[in-house]
Amino acid sequence: MPPAPAERSAATKRRRLGKVVHDERGNASVEWEDAPADYERVVLEVINDGRAGRAEDFNPYAQRVPRARDSTGATTRTDLRKLSDWIKKMRELEERKRDADDQEED
């Protein structure tokens, strides 16, 4: 059973500082050290500097009307049929050039 709070000694009331260390395998562990006698803990507090923040946090699921999506730019749709026709025409043109070159060599 742990000792009652009144029975704790001054040594147990002293702050302990924890430091994360890594062993040769990369596993993390905590090494505890007693704080020095003159150690003072820095108190962190929120400072109200008068700037107005957001009234509430942003929650996308709590919105009633979905936002309009921002367009990523002026993109045009590619008609793949036209692309396919263009590729066929280019192949035919190359084939005609090859045939014309072959006839000139004969």
Protein backbone atom coordinates (compact mmCIF):
# COMPACT_ATOMS: atom_id res chain seq x y z
CA MET A 1 0.00 0.00 0.00
CA PRO A 2 1.47 3.43 -0.95
CA PRO A 3 2.28 5.83 1.84
CA ALA A 4 -0.23 8.50 2.76
CA PRO A 5 0.39 11.95 1.21
CA ALA A 6 1.44 13.42 4.57
CA GLU A 7 4.09 10.73 4.99
CA ARG A 8 5.90 11.45 1.71
CA SER A 9 9.39 12.79 2.13
CA ALA A 10 10.84 15.89 0.49
CA ALA A 11 12.85 13.66 -1.86
CA THR A 12 9.71 12.18 -3.38
CA LYS A 13 8.16 15.63 -3.87
CA ARG A 14 11.06 16.77 -6.04
CA ARG A 15 10.35 17.02 -9.76
CA ARG A 16 11.77 14.42 -12.06
CA LEU A 17 12.83 15.16 -15.61
CA GLY A 18 12.32 12.58 -18.32
CA LYS A 19 14.51 12.32 -21.39
CA VAL A 20 13.86 10.07 -24.39
CA VAL A 21 16.88 7.97 -25.35
CA HIS A 22 17.34 5.41 -28.11
CA ASP A 23 19.26 2.17 -27.74
CA GLU A 24 21.47 0.53 -30.39
CA ARG A 25 18.41 -1.02 -32.06
CA GLY A 26 16.58 2.29 -32.29
CA ASN A 27 14.05 1.49 -29.56
CA ALA A 28 12.99 4.52 -27.55
CA SER A 29 12.88 4.56 -23.77
CA VAL A 30 12.66 7.21 -21.07
CA GLU A 31 15.46 7.95 -18.63
CA TRP A 32 14.30 9.72 -15.49
CA GLU A 33 16.53 12.10 -13.57
CA ASP A 34 15.87 14.10 -10.44
CA ALA A 35 15.52 17.80 -11.15
CA PRO A 36 18.17 20.08 -9.66
CA ALA A 37 17.24 21.85 -6.45
CA ASP A 38 17.18 25.26 -8.18
CA TYR A 39 15.05 24.02 -11.09
CA GLU A 40 12.00 26.15 -11.79
CA ARG A 41 9.30 24.87 -14.08
CA VAL A 42 8.23 27.33 -16.76
CA VAL A 43 4.51 27.96 -16.50
CA LEU A 44 2.80 28.07 -19.87
CA GLU A 45 -0.34 30.09 -20.19
CA VAL A 46 -2.64 31.37 -22.91
CA ILE A 47 -2.27 35.07 -23.57
CA ASN A 48 -5.34 36.91 -24.78
CA ASP A 49 -3.90 39.59 -27.06
CA GLY A 50 -7.28 40.89 -28.20
CA ARG A 51 -7.20 39.38 -31.66
CA ALA A 52 -10.51 37.94 -32.71
CA GLY A 53 -10.29 34.34 -33.75
CA ARG A 54 -12.81 32.15 -35.45
CA ALA A 55 -16.07 31.83 -33.60
CA GLU A 56 -15.98 28.07 -33.91
CA ASP A 57 -13.73 25.44 -35.37
CA PHE A 58 -14.17 24.37 -38.96
CA ASN A 59 -16.12 21.14 -39.30
CA PRO A 60 -16.86 20.18 -42.92
CA TYR A 61 -19.52 17.68 -41.86
CA ALA A 62 -21.53 20.27 -39.95
CA GLN A 63 -22.19 22.44 -43.01
CA ARG A 64 -25.70 22.42 -44.38
CA VAL A 65 -24.92 23.66 -47.89
CA PRO A 66 -21.87 22.16 -49.55
CA ARG A 67 -19.32 24.65 -50.80
CA ALA A 68 -18.87 25.06 -54.52
CA ARG A 69 -15.64 23.41 -55.57
CA ASP A 70 -12.95 25.71 -56.81
CA SER A 71 -12.04 24.98 -60.40
CA THR A 72 -8.49 23.77 -60.91
CA GLY A 73 -8.12 25.79 -64.08
CA ALA A 74 -9.51 26.07 -67.56
CA THR A 75 -9.26 22.51 -68.76
CA THR A 76 -10.80 21.26 -71.96
CA ARG A 77 -12.11 17.79 -72.46
CA THR A 78 -10.18 15.68 -74.91
CA ASP A 79 -12.28 13.97 -77.53
CA LEU A 80 -10.57 10.60 -77.82
CA ARG A 81 -12.32 9.79 -81.10
CA LYS A 82 -10.78 12.84 -82.72
CA LEU A 83 -7.41 11.91 -81.28
CA SER A 84 -7.74 8.37 -82.64
CA ASP A 85 -8.67 9.71 -86.10
CA TRP A 86 -5.69 12.08 -86.04
CA ILE A 87 -3.32 9.23 -85.12
CA LYS A 88 -4.71 7.10 -87.97
CA LYS A 89 -4.26 9.97 -90.44
CA MET A 90 -0.67 10.53 -89.32
CA ARG A 91 0.11 6.82 -89.72
CA GLU A 92 -1.43 6.82 -93.21
CA LEU A 93 0.60 9.91 -94.14
CA GLU A 94 3.83 8.28 -92.93
CA GLU A 95 2.97 5.11 -94.83
CA ARG A 96 2.34 7.11 -98.04
CA LYS A 97 5.69 8.86 -97.64
CA ARG A 98 7.43 5.50 -97.16
CA ASP A 99 5.69 4.06 -100.22
CA ALA A 100 6.63 7.12 -102.30
CA ASP A 101 10.28 6.80 -101.20
CA ASP A 102 10.28 3.08 -102.06
CA GLN A 103 8.89 3.77 -105.57
CA GLU A 104 11.55 6.43 -106.22
CA GLU A 105 14.33 4.00 -105.28
CA ASP A 106 13.12 1.39 -107.82
